[in-house]
């Protein structure tokens, strides 16, 4: 085969119609653009007696449109709540949104730090060798709380749910305290039985005393710390459960300081999700189907409609530093928190509003007359500094106070020795100053049991009637230093990113409005100058033209 026949020659391809069209556009594009601009410069329009070039007309129209938009934006950002309303709408607890997921399964896991009062001289007190009981504070026993809202039902702007909590012991935070530490504490079921039968017939009281002896029930129990906190089996408590079951009232399987909180609570709570009014977000609407309580003597004290669970509040109330209310089921009442001061969290990087529990929360009616409604109508009001929560615990004579009877009647500390003389245990929450959600806080309360002495019940004869014995105090804390990274990211985003966007829109609209106004005036000024110059060189009319 010859070399000529073995070689292959490339045959040139003809350009397609599309390639030809694109080539013409690129070759003629600059000329067409130049012609358009030249026609725009020659084309003129009459507007209100002014002759203006089309190019200037388009420029002026664009500037006017931009000026109107920037002015509208400036008014909306500076003089209305439009931006806030857009931001607040994301706080509404609506299904399939991030706010709903965070509400259903909160990211932060607060810590329950529990301090038990160990009674160290019970044998000596029972035989009369000690005039007063002595207590020793043991703790903290630290438990991490995981909350999930379950059995959720959505009805318009209302959410109904139950709370499910799990507590995990944290040995590394408990400072050497162990779950099997033996602690001696008052026998709450026994003191409850005595209180419920204080005014019973004498034979009934004697019969109760015999029943307690048969069960070997003593005024004090020695138990491991973890059982005291999470729950323990008790024969007297088992009898009480059987009795309450006959009355269609449900009690937890085991009795413990956290017994009511562990697992799924029986209470069904209905709140407002804030969809129609963001200032109602989180507010209680119903508790177990009721729109108010029926435990106190006045409608004001039975009202919980202005309360939340403490996780989120009305943004406007927080911004204006108005008092807030938190409903506590274990006290069957809302507690008022007042604005205290501005603080910073996360190493001083995030501003916050600190709200502190009102100093009047546990005041006696002598100090705060509005607390009169919380008194039991059949008994005297409790002394200063304690709250009677008997009606919230199936008749158990439990009283709530500040730790170590802080700010309470001095006589309360005289019943036992070992309490601290002047501790200050403040309860507070640190809120986001713009969005109103809780970022950190501490809630410190003490649980006490009252002795109701009655003739015929030998187990309580050693005590003075009305004595209030401390059991434990709780420090529920959500500390900023222990917040998970996801929560810290949300806090930084809602603090700085939103603030930057808001400032950018505010000053961006203001700057754009000013610049466009200046440009409009400049265009009009140049046009006026040209008109004056044109008028000054206009030729004089002839006599015939004047006639």
Foldseek 3Di string as FASTA:
>chain_A
DDPVVPDDDDDDDDDDPVVVVVVVCVVCVVVVVVVVVVVQQVDWDADPNFIGGNVLVVVLVVLVVLLVVLVVLQCCLPPHCVLLVVVLLLCFCDPPHPNVVCVQWPQFWWKKFKKFWFFDCVVCLVVPNDPFTATAIAWGFIWTKTKGWDPWDDDPQKIKTWIAIDIHTDCVPTVPDDQQDKGKFFDLLVLLVCQVCQVPDLVVLLVVLVVCVVQVPFRIDIGGNNCQAAFDDGPSVVVVQVVVVVVVDHDFPGDHNCRCVHGIHPKMWMAGSCNVHSQRHQFTQDINNDRWDDPWDDRVFGHRRQEGQQFFHRLVCLLVQHKGWHDDLLQNGIWIWGFDDWDAAPVRPAIWTKTWTDPCRQADCVVPVVCPRQADPVDDRDFGFKGASCVSPVRRRKIKGFALSARTDPVLDVNYDDGDDHDDDIWIFIARNRRGGTQKTKDKMWIWGFHADHPSNVSRVSDDHGRIGTTMMIITIRHNVPRDPVSVVVSCCVGPVSVVVSVCSNVVSVVSSVVSVVVSVVSVVVSVVVVVVVVVPDDDDDPVVVD
